[in-house]
């Protein structure tokens, strides 16, 4: 997922031990800057080896920039985190800005502009 025109959020085999979950999906998400080698990508999110998968993505929806990350702990058991980004900066200022989204673990979350859409 593009986080900005010069930055990708990626989960792949980074050649490191335990890049994958036991299920064979990405366990580590990194930020990769344009023009740099993949080996210079920095870790931005990490799950457990026992998780099914880990993901992080960023997008703009009708003028609102959203960034999500999830840990799929088991089928239909997802831990959601979210942060809003305004003018390229985290909405709350410093820190990682991600906050747990207190929704049922089998729910799905999307956006429409600045609104959240929750499906159960």
PDB file of N, CA and C in Angstrom:
ATOM      1  N   UNK A   1       0.842  -1.168   0.000  1.00  0.00           N
ATOM      2  CA  UNK A   1       0.000   0.000   0.000  1.00  0.00           C
ATOM      3  C   UNK A   1       0.896   1.243   0.000  1.00  0.00           C
ATOM      4  N   UNK A   2       0.547   2.226  -0.819  1.00  0.00           N
ATOM      5  CA  UNK A   2       1.285   3.498  -0.796  1.00  0.00           C
ATOM      6  C   UNK A   2       0.859   4.298   0.427  1.00  0.00           C
ATOM      7  N   UNK A   3       1.832   4.697   1.224  1.00  0.00           N
ATOM      8  CA  UNK A   3       1.576   5.578   2.354  1.00  0.00           C
ATOM      9  C   UNK A   3       1.705   7.026   1.894  1.00  0.00           C
ATOM     10  N   UNK A   4       2.567   7.249   0.941  1.00  0.00           N
ATOM     11  CA  UNK A   4       2.764   8.562   0.328  1.00  0.00           C
ATOM     12  C   UNK A   4       3.342   8.299  -1.063  1.00  0.00           C
ATOM     13  N   UNK A   5       3.511   9.339  -1.886  1.00  0.00           N
ATOM     14  CA  UNK A   5       4.093   9.111  -3.211  1.00  0.00           C
ATOM     15  C   UNK A   5       5.491   8.483  -3.186  1.00  0.00           C
ATOM     16  N   UNK A   6       6.190   8.604  -2.061  1.00  0.00           N
ATOM     17  CA  UNK A   6       7.558   8.087  -1.975  1.00  0.00           C
ATOM     18  C   UNK A   6       7.740   7.001  -0.923  1.00  0.00           C
ATOM     19  N   UNK A   7       6.637   6.423  -0.456  1.00  0.00           N
ATOM     20  CA  UNK A   7       6.748   5.419   0.603  1.00  0.00           C
ATOM     21  C   UNK A   7       5.711   4.320   0.421  1.00  0.00           C
ATOM     22  N   UNK A   8       6.178   3.076   0.520  1.00  0.00           N
ATOM     23  CA  UNK A   8       5.307   1.900   0.451  1.00  0.00           C
ATOM     24  C   UNK A   8       5.287   1.191   1.793  1.00  0.00           C
ATOM     25  N   UNK A   9       4.127   0.668   2.168  1.00  0.00           N
ATOM     26  CA  UNK A   9       4.020  -0.234   3.307  1.00  0.00           C
ATOM     27  C   UNK A   9       4.001  -1.639   2.722  1.00  0.00           C
ATOM     28  N   UNK A  10       4.951  -2.469   3.124  1.00  0.00           N
ATOM     29  CA  UNK A  10       5.060  -3.789   2.502  1.00  0.00           C
ATOM     30  C   UNK A  10       5.256  -4.886   3.542  1.00  0.00           C
ATOM     31  N   UNK A  11       4.736  -6.042   3.201  1.00  0.00           N
ATOM     32  CA  UNK A  11       4.963  -7.258   3.969  1.00  0.00           C
ATOM     33  C   UNK A  11       5.437  -8.309   2.986  1.00  0.00           C
ATOM     34  N   UNK A  12       6.638  -8.784   3.132  1.00  0.00           N
ATOM     35  CA  UNK A  12       7.205  -9.756   2.207  1.00  0.00           C
ATOM     36  C   UNK A  12       8.283 -10.551   2.926  1.00  0.00           C
ATOM     37  N   UNK A  13       8.971 -11.407   2.203  1.00  0.00           N
ATOM     38  CA  UNK A  13      10.098 -12.124   2.778  1.00  0.00           C
ATOM     39  C   UNK A  13      11.294 -11.183   2.762  1.00  0.00           C
ATOM     40  N   UNK A  14      11.663 -10.678   3.911  1.00  0.00           N
ATOM     41  CA  UNK A  14      12.771  -9.732   4.017  1.00  0.00           C
ATOM     42  C   UNK A  14      14.100 -10.451   4.199  1.00  0.00           C
ATOM     43  N   UNK A  15      14.091 -11.774   4.062  1.00  0.00           N
ATOM     44  CA  UNK A  15      15.307 -12.542   4.227  1.00  0.00           C
ATOM     45  C   UNK A  15      15.697 -12.700   5.681  1.00  0.00           C
ATOM     46  N   UNK A  16      14.789 -12.349   6.559  1.00  0.00           N
ATOM     47  CA  UNK A  16      15.035 -12.455   7.989  1.00  0.00           C
ATOM     48  C   UNK A  16      14.325 -13.677   8.533  1.00  0.00           C
ATOM     49  N   UNK A  17      14.864 -14.203   9.603  1.00  0.00           N
ATOM     50  CA  UNK A  17      14.210 -15.315  10.257  1.00  0.00           C
ATOM     51  C   UNK A  17      12.846 -14.859  10.763  1.00  0.00           C
ATOM     52  N   UNK A  18      11.859 -15.688  10.598  1.00  0.00           N
ATOM     53  CA  UNK A  18      10.500 -15.423  11.074  1.00  0.00           C
ATOM     54  C   UNK A  18       9.846 -14.208  10.415  1.00  0.00           C
ATOM     55  N   UNK A  19      10.050 -14.013   9.100  1.00  0.00           N
ATOM     56  CA  UNK A  19       9.315 -12.981   8.367  1.00  0.00           C
ATOM     57  C   UNK A  19       7.857 -13.383   8.174  1.00  0.00           C
ATOM     58  N   UNK A  20       7.583 -14.656   8.357  1.00  0.00           N
ATOM     59  CA  UNK A  20       6.258 -15.215   8.081  1.00  0.00           C
ATOM     60  C   UNK A  20       5.597 -15.735   9.344  1.00  0.00           C
ATOM     61  N   UNK A  21       4.280 -15.804   9.307  1.00  0.00           N
ATOM     62  CA  UNK A  21       3.545 -16.456  10.387  1.00  0.00           C
ATOM     63  C   UNK A  21       3.586 -17.962  10.154  1.00  0.00           C
ATOM     64  N   UNK A  22       3.126 -18.718  11.119  1.00  0.00           N
ATOM     65  CA  UNK A  22       3.045 -20.166  10.955  1.00  0.00           C
ATOM     66  C   UNK A  22       2.120 -20.541   9.801  1.00  0.00           C
ATOM     67  N   UNK A  23       1.187 -19.652   9.457  1.00  0.00           N
ATOM     68  CA  UNK A  23       0.253 -19.886   8.349  1.00  0.00           C
ATOM     69  C   UNK A  23       0.845 -19.524   6.990  1.00  0.00           C
ATOM     70  N   UNK A  24       2.051 -18.941   6.985  1.00  0.00           N
ATOM     71  CA  UNK A  24       2.711 -18.595   5.736  1.00  0.00           C
ATOM     72  C   UNK A  24       2.408 -17.212   5.206  1.00  0.00           C
ATOM     73  N   UNK A  25       1.836 -16.340   6.041  1.00  0.00           N
ATOM     74  CA  UNK A  25       1.532 -14.962   5.638  1.00  0.00           C
ATOM     75  C   UNK A  25       2.536 -14.005   6.280  1.00  0.00           C
ATOM     76  N   UNK A  26       2.530 -12.766   5.807  1.00  0.00           N
ATOM     77  CA  UNK A  26       3.438 -11.749   6.349  1.00  0.00           C
ATOM     78  C   UNK A  26       3.219 -11.567   7.846  1.00  0.00           C
ATOM     79  N   UNK A  27       4.323 -11.461   8.566  1.00  0.00           N
ATOM     80  CA  UNK A  27       4.275 -11.209  10.004  1.00  0.00           C
ATOM     81  C   UNK A  27       4.847  -9.834  10.336  1.00  0.00           C
ATOM     82  N   UNK A  28       5.634  -9.281   9.406  1.00  0.00           N
ATOM     83  CA  UNK A  28       6.318  -8.007   9.611  1.00  0.00           C
ATOM     84  C   UNK A  28       5.932  -7.051   8.488  1.00  0.00           C
ATOM     85  N   UNK A  29       5.576  -5.831   8.865  1.00  0.00           N
ATOM     86  CA  UNK A  29       5.304  -4.772   7.892  1.00  0.00           C
ATOM     87  C   UNK A  29       6.415  -3.736   8.010  1.00  0.00           C
ATOM     88  N   UNK A  30       6.887  -3.296   6.842  1.00  0.00           N
ATOM     89  CA  UNK A  30       7.962  -2.303   6.821  1.00  0.00           C
ATOM     90  C   UNK A  30       7.593  -1.137   5.911  1.00  0.00           C
ATOM     91  N   UNK A  31       8.253  -0.024   6.168  1.00  0.00           N
ATOM     92  CA  UNK A  31       8.130   1.178   5.351  1.00  0.00           C
ATOM     93  C   UNK A  31       9.340   1.225   4.425  1.00  0.00           C
ATOM     94  N   UNK A  32       9.084   1.270   3.129  1.00  0.00           N
ATOM     95  CA  UNK A  32      10.150   1.265   2.125  1.00  0.00           C
ATOM     96  C   UNK A  32      10.102   2.579   1.364  1.00  0.00           C
ATOM     97  N   UNK A  33      11.159   3.342   1.447  1.00  0.00           N
ATOM     98  CA  UNK A  33      11.243   4.653   0.794  1.00  0.00           C
ATOM     99  C   UNK A  33      11.753   4.522  -0.638  1.00  0.00           C
ATOM    100  N   UNK A  34      11.194   5.328  -1.520  1.00  0.00           N
ATOM    101  CA  UNK A  34      11.591   5.337  -2.928  1.00  0.00           C
ATOM    102  C   UNK A  34      13.095   5.589  -3.067  1.00  0.00           C
ATOM    103  N   UNK A  35      13.723   4.827  -3.957  1.00  0.00           N
ATOM    104  CA  UNK A  35      15.135   5.029  -4.260  1.00  0.00           C
ATOM    105  C   UNK A  35      16.094   4.368  -3.282  1.00  0.00           C
ATOM    106  N   UNK A  36      15.568   3.620  -2.320  1.00  0.00           N
ATOM    107  CA  UNK A  36      16.438   2.950  -1.352  1.00  0.00           C
ATOM    108  C   UNK A  36      16.343   1.442  -1.544  1.00  0.00           C
ATOM    109  N   UNK A  37      17.368   0.698  -1.151  1.00  0.00           N
ATOM    110  CA  UNK A  37      17.280  -0.758  -1.250  1.00  0.00           C
ATOM    111  C   UNK A  37      16.268  -1.308  -0.236  1.00  0.00           C
ATOM    112  N   UNK A  38      15.650  -2.429  -0.579  1.00  0.00           N
ATOM    113  CA  UNK A  38      14.678  -3.048   0.309  1.00  0.00           C
ATOM    114  C   UNK A  38      15.290  -3.332   1.681  1.00  0.00           C
ATOM    115  N   UNK A  39      16.574  -3.606   1.721  1.00  0.00           N
ATOM    116  CA  UNK A  39      17.241  -3.896   2.995  1.00  0.00           C
ATOM    117  C   UNK A  39      17.233  -2.692   3.941  1.00  0.00           C
ATOM    118  N   UNK A  40      16.981  -1.485   3.431  1.00  0.00           N
ATOM    119  CA  UNK A  40      16.919  -0.282   4.269  1.00  0.00           C
ATOM    120  C   UNK A  40      15.514   0.008   4.808  1.00  0.00           C
ATOM    121  N   UNK A  41      14.523  -0.799   4.405  1.00  0.00           N
ATOM    122  CA  UNK A  41      13.152  -0.592   4.881  1.00  0.00           C
ATOM    123  C   UNK A  41      13.119  -0.740   6.401  1.00  0.00           C
ATOM    124  N   UNK A  42      12.304   0.089   7.052  1.00  0.00           N
ATOM    125  CA  UNK A  42      12.219   0.067   8.512  1.00  0.00           C
ATOM    126  C   UNK A  42      10.913  -0.571   8.973  1.00  0.00           C
ATOM    127  N   UNK A  43      10.999  -1.345  10.046  1.00  0.00           N
ATOM    128  CA  UNK A  43       9.816  -2.020  10.565  1.00  0.00           C
ATOM    129  C   UNK A  43       8.848  -1.009  11.162  1.00  0.00           C
ATOM    130  N   UNK A  44       7.555  -1.150  10.794  1.00  0.00           N
ATOM    131  CA  UNK A  44       6.525  -0.281  11.346  1.00  0.00           C
ATOM    132  C   UNK A  44       5.479  -1.063  12.135  1.00  0.00           C
ATOM    133  N   UNK A  45       5.421  -2.385  11.924  1.00  0.00           N
ATOM    134  CA  UNK A  45       4.434  -3.198  12.639  1.00  0.00           C
ATOM    135  C   UNK A  45       4.875  -4.645  12.602  1.00  0.00           C
ATOM    136  N   UNK A  46       4.618  -5.341  13.706  1.00  0.00           N
ATOM    137  CA  UNK A  46       5.042  -6.730  13.804  1.00  0.00           C
ATOM    138  C   UNK A  46       4.001  -7.507  14.591  1.00  0.00           C
ATOM    139  N   UNK A  47       3.656  -8.684  14.073  1.00  0.00           N
ATOM    140  CA  UNK A  47       2.746  -9.562  14.787  1.00  0.00           C
ATOM    141  C   UNK A  47       3.499 -10.716  15.399  1.00  0.00           C
ATOM    142  N   UNK A  48       2.744 -11.681  15.873  1.00  0.00           N
ATOM    143  CA  UNK A  48       3.328 -12.875  16.467  1.00  0.00           C
ATOM    144  C   UNK A  48       3.451 -13.969  15.410  1.00  0.00           C
ATOM    145  N   UNK A  49       4.382 -14.853  15.589  1.00  0.00           N
ATOM    146  CA  UNK A  49       4.540 -15.980  14.666  1.00  0.00           C
ATOM    147  C   UNK A  49       3.258 -16.815  14.646  1.00  0.00           C
ATOM    148  N   UNK A  50       2.546 -16.869  15.774  1.00  0.00           N
ATOM    149  CA  UNK A  50       1.315 -17.656  15.859  1.00  0.00           C
ATOM    150  C   UNK A  50       0.110 -16.976  15.201  1.00  0.00           C
ATOM    151  N   UNK A  51       0.205 -15.679  14.851  1.00  0.00           N
ATOM    152  CA  UNK A  51      -0.891 -14.995  14.151  1.00  0.00           C
ATOM    153  C   UNK A  51      -1.093 -15.627  12.779  1.00  0.00           C
ATOM    154  N   UNK A  52      -2.297 -15.479  12.236  1.00  0.00           N
ATOM    155  CA  UNK A  52      -2.541 -15.928  10.862  1.00  0.00           C
ATOM    156  C   UNK A  52      -1.846 -14.978   9.895  1.00  0.00           C
ATOM    157  N   UNK A  53      -2.006 -13.672  10.123  1.00  0.00           N
ATOM    158  CA  UNK A  53      -1.399 -12.675   9.231  1.00  0.00           C
ATOM    159  C   UNK A  53      -1.361 -11.317   9.922  1.00  0.00           C
ATOM    160  N   UNK A  54      -0.509 -10.441   9.397  1.00  0.00           N
ATOM    161  CA  UNK A  54      -0.398  -9.065   9.856  1.00  0.00           C
ATOM    162  C   UNK A  54      -0.461  -8.187   8.617  1.00  0.00           C
ATOM    163  N   UNK A  55      -1.175  -7.074   8.713  1.00  0.00           N
ATOM    164  CA  UNK A  55      -1.207  -6.166   7.567  1.00  0.00           C
ATOM    165  C   UNK A  55      -1.331  -4.725   8.042  1.00  0.00           C
ATOM    166  N   UNK A  56      -0.936  -3.819   7.165  1.00  0.00           N
ATOM    167  CA  UNK A  56      -1.057  -2.386   7.416  1.00  0.00           C
ATOM    168  C   UNK A  56      -1.260  -1.717   6.071  1.00  0.00           C
ATOM    169  N   UNK A  57      -2.200  -0.804   6.009  1.00  0.00           N
ATOM    170  CA  UNK A  57      -2.449  -0.110   4.750  1.00  0.00           C
ATOM    171  C   UNK A  57      -2.905   1.314   5.016  1.00  0.00           C
ATOM    172  N   UNK A  58      -2.766   2.130   3.990  1.00  0.00           N
ATOM    173  CA  UNK A  58      -3.014   3.559   4.079  1.00  0.00           C
ATOM    174  C   UNK A  58      -3.720   3.998   2.803  1.00  0.00           C
ATOM    175  N   UNK A  59      -4.692   4.882   2.923  1.00  0.00           N
ATOM    176  CA  UNK A  59      -5.390   5.373   1.733  1.00  0.00           C
ATOM    177  C   UNK A  59      -6.117   6.682   2.037  1.00  0.00           C
ATOM    178  N   UNK A  60      -6.505   7.373   0.984  1.00  0.00           N
ATOM    179  CA  UNK A  60      -7.299   8.595   1.098  1.00  0.00           C
ATOM    180  C   UNK A  60      -8.686   8.307   0.549  1.00  0.00           C
ATOM    181  N   UNK A  61      -9.699   8.680   1.319  1.00  0.00           N
ATOM    182  CA  UNK A  61     -11.092   8.442   0.951  1.00  0.00           C
ATOM    183  C   UNK A  61     -11.854   9.761   1.060  1.00  0.00           C
ATOM    184  N   UNK A  62     -12.184  10.341  -0.085  1.00  0.00           N
ATOM    185  CA  UNK A  62     -12.956  11.580  -0.143  1.00  0.00           C
ATOM    186  C   UNK A  62     -12.336  12.690   0.703  1.00  0.00           C
ATOM    187  N   UNK A  63     -10.997  12.823   0.598  1.00  0.00           N
ATOM    188  CA  UNK A  63     -10.294  13.890   1.281  1.00  0.00           C
ATOM    189  C   UNK A  63      -9.804  13.555   2.682  1.00  0.00           C
ATOM    190  N   UNK A  64     -10.124  12.383   3.194  1.00  0.00           N
ATOM    191  CA  UNK A  64      -9.669  11.955   4.516  1.00  0.00           C
ATOM    192  C   UNK A  64      -8.633  10.857   4.345  1.00  0.00           C
ATOM    193  N   UNK A  65      -7.504  11.002   5.045  1.00  0.00           N
ATOM    194  CA  UNK A  65      -6.439  10.007   4.948  1.00  0.00           C
ATOM    195  C   UNK A  65      -6.531   9.077   6.153  1.00  0.00           C
ATOM    196  N   UNK A  66      -6.636   7.778   5.871  1.00  0.00           N
ATOM    197  CA  UNK A  66      -6.797   6.760   6.906  1.00  0.00           C
ATOM    198  C   UNK A  66      -5.630   5.783   6.856  1.00  0.00           C
ATOM    199  N   UNK A  67      -5.273   5.259   8.030  1.00  0.00           N
ATOM    200  CA  UNK A  67      -4.273   4.210   8.077  1.00  0.00           C
ATOM    201  C   UNK A  67      -4.730   3.157   9.090  1.00  0.00           C
ATOM    202  N   UNK A  68      -4.790   1.925   8.622  1.00  0.00           N
ATOM    203  CA  UNK A  68      -5.201   0.802   9.451  1.00  0.00           C
ATOM    204  C   UNK A  68      -4.064  -0.197   9.565  1.00  0.00           C
ATOM    205  N   UNK A  69      -4.088  -0.963  10.640  1.00  0.00           N
ATOM    206  CA  UNK A  69      -3.244  -2.142  10.727  1.00  0.00           C
ATOM    207  C   UNK A  69      -4.007  -3.192  11.521  1.00  0.00           C
ATOM    208  N   UNK A  70      -3.791  -4.432  11.140  1.00  0.00           N
ATOM    209  CA  UNK A  70      -4.519  -5.526  11.767  1.00  0.00           C
ATOM    210  C   UNK A  70      -3.604  -6.699  12.070  1.00  0.00           C
ATOM    211  N   UNK A  71      -3.989  -7.416  13.088  1.00  0.00           N
ATOM    212  CA  UNK A  71      -3.419  -8.721  13.391  1.00  0.00           C
ATOM    213  C   UNK A  71      -4.566  -9.702  13.304  1.00  0.00           C
ATOM    214  N   UNK A  72      -4.489 -10.629  12.362  1.00  0.00           N
ATOM    215  CA  UNK A  72      -5.484 -11.681  12.286  1.00  0.00           C
ATOM    216  C   UNK A  72      -4.978 -12.806  13.177  1.00  0.00           C
ATOM    217  N   UNK A  73      -5.627 -12.960  14.317  1.00  0.00           N
ATOM    218  CA  UNK A  73      -5.185 -13.908  15.324  1.00  0.00           C
ATOM    219  C   UNK A  73      -5.665 -15.312  14.972  1.00  0.00           C
ATOM    220  N   UNK A  74      -6.866 -15.385  14.431  1.00  0.00           N
ATOM    221  CA  UNK A  74      -7.466 -16.632  13.951  1.00  0.00           C
ATOM    222  C   UNK A  74      -8.550 -16.220  12.962  1.00  0.00           C
ATOM    223  N   UNK A  75      -9.076 -17.168  12.231  1.00  0.00           N
ATOM    224  CA  UNK A  75     -10.135 -16.858  11.274  1.00  0.00           C
ATOM    225  C   UNK A  75     -11.282 -16.162  12.005  1.00  0.00           C
ATOM    226  N   UNK A  76     -11.701 -15.008  11.520  1.00  0.00           N
ATOM    227  CA  UNK A  76     -12.752 -14.190  12.123  1.00  0.00           C
ATOM    228  C   UNK A  76     -12.389 -13.699  13.521  1.00  0.00           C
ATOM    229  N   UNK A  77     -11.110 -13.505  13.772  1.00  0.00           N
ATOM    230  CA  UNK A  77     -10.647 -12.945  15.039  1.00  0.00           C
ATOM    231  C   UNK A  77      -9.534 -11.948  14.712  1.00  0.00           C
ATOM    232  N   UNK A  78      -9.937 -10.708  14.484  1.00  0.00           N
ATOM    233  CA  UNK A  78      -9.009  -9.676  14.016  1.00  0.00           C
ATOM    234  C   UNK A  78      -8.910  -8.558  15.046  1.00  0.00           C
ATOM    235  N   UNK A  79      -7.675  -8.156  15.325  1.00  0.00           N
ATOM    236  CA  UNK A  79      -7.393  -7.026  16.211  1.00  0.00           C
ATOM    237  C   UNK A  79      -7.105  -5.818  15.319  1.00  0.00           C
ATOM    238  N   UNK A  80      -7.948  -4.775  15.413  1.00  0.00           N
ATOM    239  CA  UNK A  80      -7.852  -3.590  14.555  1.00  0.00           C
ATOM    240  C   UNK A  80      -7.208  -2.420  15.284  1.00  0.00           C
ATOM    241  N   UNK A  81      -6.357  -1.670  14.550  1.00  0.00           N
ATOM    242  CA  UNK A  81      -5.822  -0.401  15.027  1.00  0.00           C
ATOM    243  C   UNK A  81      -5.979   0.626  13.902  1.00  0.00           C
ATOM    244  N   UNK A  82      -6.132   1.901  14.296  1.00  0.00           N
ATOM    245  CA  UNK A  82      -6.401   2.963  13.318  1.00  0.00           C
ATOM    246  C   UNK A  82      -5.705   4.251  13.745  1.00  0.00           C
ATOM    247  N   UNK A  83      -5.344   5.034  12.733  1.00  0.00           N
ATOM    248  CA  UNK A  83      -4.938   6.417  12.982  1.00  0.00           C
ATOM    249  C   UNK A  83      -5.338   7.255  11.778  1.00  0.00           C
ATOM    250  N   UNK A  84      -5.671   8.510  12.067  1.00  0.00           N
ATOM    251  CA  UNK A  84      -5.977   9.471  11.012  1.00  0.00           C
ATOM    252  C   UNK A  84      -4.727  10.299  10.745  1.00  0.00           C
ATOM    253  N   UNK A  85      -4.514  10.643   9.492  1.00  0.00           N
ATOM    254  CA  UNK A  85      -3.368  11.452   9.106  1.00  0.00           C
ATOM    255  C   UNK A  85      -3.900  12.713   8.429  1.00  0.00           C
ATOM    256  N   UNK A  86      -3.443  13.875   8.895  1.00  0.00           N
ATOM    257  CA  UNK A  86      -3.885  15.159   8.344  1.00  0.00           C
ATOM    258  C   UNK A  86      -2.661  15.897   7.833  1.00  0.00           C
ATOM    259  N   UNK A  87      -2.691  16.283   6.570  1.00  0.00           N
ATOM    260  CA  UNK A  87      -1.571  17.006   5.944  1.00  0.00           C
ATOM    261  C   UNK A  87      -0.238  16.285   6.156  1.00  0.00           C
ATOM    262  N   UNK A  88      -0.261  14.951   6.029  1.00  0.00           N
ATOM    263  CA  UNK A  88       0.955  14.161   6.136  1.00  0.00           C
ATOM    264  C   UNK A  88       1.432  13.918   7.552  1.00  0.00           C
ATOM    265  N   UNK A  89       0.708  14.428   8.540  1.00  0.00           N
ATOM    266  CA  UNK A  89       1.098  14.252   9.938  1.00  0.00           C
ATOM    267  C   UNK A  89      -0.005  13.514  10.677  1.00  0.00           C
ATOM    268  N   UNK A  90       0.393  12.769  11.711  1.00  0.00           N
ATOM    269  CA  UNK A  90      -0.581  12.091  12.545  1.00  0.00           C
ATOM    270  C   UNK A  90      -1.493  13.118  13.174  1.00  0.00           C
ATOM    271  N   UNK A  91      -2.785  12.802  13.239  1.00  0.00           N
ATOM    272  CA  UNK A  91      -3.759  13.749  13.745  1.00  0.00           C
ATOM    273  C   UNK A  91      -3.479  14.170  15.182  1.00  0.00           C
ATOM    274  N   UNK A  92      -2.962  13.254  15.999  1.00  0.00           N
ATOM    275  CA  UNK A  92      -2.752  13.573  17.409  1.00  0.00           C
ATOM    276  C   UNK A  92      -1.339  14.075  17.716  1.00  0.00           C
ATOM    277  N   UNK A  93      -0.540  14.317  16.695  1.00  0.00           N
ATOM    278  CA  UNK A  93       0.838  14.740  16.936  1.00  0.00           C
ATOM    279  C   UNK A  93       1.698  13.544  17.302  1.00  0.00           C
ATOM    280  N   UNK A  94       2.795  13.698  17.905  1.00  0.00           N
ATOM    281  CA  UNK A  94       3.798  12.676  18.220  1.00  0.00           C
ATOM    282  C   UNK A  94       3.313  11.261  18.456  1.00  0.00           C
ATOM    283  N   UNK A  95       4.259  10.381  18.665  1.00  0.00           N
ATOM    284  CA  UNK A  95       3.944   8.984  18.898  1.00  0.00           C
ATOM    285  C   UNK A  95       3.520   8.282  17.632  1.00  0.00           C
ATOM    286  N   UNK A  96       3.166   7.022  17.755  1.00  0.00           N
ATOM    287  CA  UNK A  96       2.759   6.283  16.558  1.00  0.00           C
ATOM    288  C   UNK A  96       1.331   6.621  16.179  1.00  0.00           C
ATOM    289  N   UNK A  97       0.534   7.141  17.118  1.00  0.00           N
ATOM    290  CA  UNK A  97      -0.812   7.588  16.812  1.00  0.00           C
ATOM    291  C   UNK A  97      -1.839   6.499  16.620  1.00  0.00           C
ATOM    292  N   UNK A  98      -1.441   5.246  16.537  1.00  0.00           N
ATOM    293  CA  UNK A  98      -2.408   4.172  16.347  1.00  0.00           C
ATOM    294  C   UNK A  98      -3.133   3.901  17.658  1.00  0.00           C
ATOM    295  N   UNK A  99      -4.433   3.653  17.506  1.00  0.00           N
ATOM    296  CA  UNK A  99      -5.256   3.313  18.663  1.00  0.00           C
ATOM    297  C   UNK A  99      -6.063   2.070  18.339  1.00  0.00           C
ATOM    298  N   UNK A 100      -6.230   1.233  19.353  1.00  0.00           N
ATOM    299  CA  UNK A 100      -7.063   0.041  19.186  1.00  0.00           C
ATOM    300  C   UNK A 100      -8.494   0.471  18.876  1.00  0.00           C
ATOM    301  N   UNK A 101      -9.123  -0.220  17.942  1.00  0.00           N
ATOM    302  CA  UNK A 101     -10.526   0.029  17.610  1.00  0.00           C
ATOM    303  C   UNK A 101     -11.346  -1.030  18.350  1.00  0.00           C
ATOM    304  N   UNK A 102     -12.138  -0.627  19.347  1.00  0.00           N
ATOM    305  CA  UNK A 102     -12.859  -1.598  20.170  1.00  0.00           C
ATOM    306  C   UNK A 102     -14.129  -2.123  19.468  1.00  0.00           C
ATOM    307  N   UNK A 103     -13.936  -3.034  18.545  1.00  0.00           N
ATOM    308  CA  UNK A 103     -15.047  -3.638  17.820  1.00  0.00           C
ATOM    309  C   UNK A 103     -14.978  -5.154  18.014  1.00  0.00           C
ATOM    310  N   UNK A 104     -16.090  -5.864  17.769  1.00  0.00           N
ATOM    311  CA  UNK A 104     -16.042  -7.324  17.888  1.00  0.00           C
ATOM    312  C   UNK A 104     -14.958  -7.896  16.973  1.00  0.00           C
ATOM    313  N   UNK A 105     -14.271  -8.942  17.403  1.00  0.00           N
ATOM    314  CA  UNK A 105     -13.144  -9.480  16.630  1.00  0.00           C
ATOM    315  C   UNK A 105     -13.531 -10.050  15.267  1.00  0.00           C
ATOM    316  N   UNK A 106     -14.832 -10.304  15.046  1.00  0.00           N
ATOM    317  CA  UNK A 106     -15.262 -10.820  13.746  1.00  0.00           C
ATOM    318  C   UNK A 106     -15.891  -9.741  12.872  1.00  0.00           C
ATOM    319  N   UNK A 107     -15.804  -8.476  13.300  1.00  0.00           N
ATOM    320  CA  UNK A 107     -16.366  -7.358  12.533  1.00  0.00           C
ATOM    321  C   UNK A 107     -15.376  -6.912  11.461  1.00  0.00           C
ATOM    322  N   UNK A 108     -15.889  -6.165  10.490  1.00  0.00           N
ATOM    323  CA  UNK A 108     -15.063  -5.600   9.433  1.00  0.00           C
ATOM    324  C   UNK A 108     -15.252  -4.089   9.446  1.00  0.00           C
ATOM    325  N   UNK A 109     -14.197  -3.355   9.190  1.00  0.00           N
ATOM    326  CA  UNK A 109     -14.225  -1.899   9.291  1.00  0.00           C
ATOM    327  C   UNK A 109     -13.740  -1.277   7.989  1.00  0.00           C
ATOM    328  N   UNK A 110     -14.493  -0.317   7.481  1.00  0.00           N
ATOM    329  CA  UNK A 110     -14.132   0.446   6.287  1.00  0.00           C
ATOM    330  C   UNK A 110     -14.493   1.904   6.535  1.00  0.00           C
ATOM    331  N   UNK A 111     -14.241   2.748   5.563  1.00  0.00           N
ATOM    332  CA  UNK A 111     -14.563   4.167   5.712  1.00  0.00           C
ATOM    333  C   UNK A 111     -15.376   4.669   4.525  1.00  0.00           C
ATOM    334  N   UNK A 112     -16.031   5.785   4.743  1.00  0.00           N
ATOM    335  CA  UNK A 112     -16.672   6.566   3.690  1.00  0.00           C
ATOM    336  C   UNK A 112     -16.380   8.011   4.056  1.00  0.00           C
ATOM    337  N   UNK A 113     -15.356   8.585   3.424  1.00  0.00           N
ATOM    338  CA  UNK A 113     -14.917   9.924   3.810  1.00  0.00           C
ATOM    339  C   UNK A 113     -14.384   9.890   5.218  1.00  0.00           C
ATOM    340  N   UNK A 114     -14.966  10.714   6.084  1.00  0.00           N
ATOM    341  CA  UNK A 114     -14.547  10.761   7.474  1.00  0.00           C
ATOM    342  C   UNK A 114     -15.346   9.877   8.405  1.00  0.00           C
ATOM    343  N   UNK A 115     -16.226   9.052   7.842  1.00  0.00           N
ATOM    344  CA  UNK A 115     -17.071   8.180   8.647  1.00  0.00           C
ATOM    345  C   UNK A 115     -16.589   6.730   8.581  1.00  0.00           C
ATOM    346  N   UNK A 116     -16.841   6.008   9.659  1.00  0.00           N
ATOM    347  CA  UNK A 116     -16.503   4.587   9.715  1.00  0.00           C
ATOM    348  C   UNK A 116     -17.722   3.765   9.371  1.00  0.00           C
ATOM    349  N   UNK A 117     -17.514   2.670   8.663  1.00  0.00           N
ATOM    350  CA  UNK A 117     -18.576   1.723   8.342  1.00  0.00           C
ATOM    351  C   UNK A 117     -18.175   0.391   8.951  1.00  0.00           C
ATOM    352  N   UNK A 118     -18.996  -0.088   9.862  1.00  0.00           N
ATOM    353  CA  UNK A 118     -18.735  -1.335  10.559  1.00  0.00           C
ATOM    354  C   UNK A 118     -19.733  -2.380  10.100  1.00  0.00           C
ATOM    355  N   UNK A 119     -19.248  -3.526   9.675  1.00  0.00           N
ATOM    356  CA  UNK A 119     -20.135  -4.619   9.298  1.00  0.00           C
ATOM    357  C   UNK A 119     -19.916  -5.770  10.267  1.00  0.00           C
ATOM    358  N   UNK A 120     -21.011  -6.333  10.717  1.00  0.00           N
ATOM    359  CA  UNK A 120     -20.959  -7.421  11.696  1.00  0.00           C
ATOM    360  C   UNK A 120     -21.335  -8.744  11.053  1.00  0.00           C
TER     361      UNK A 120
END
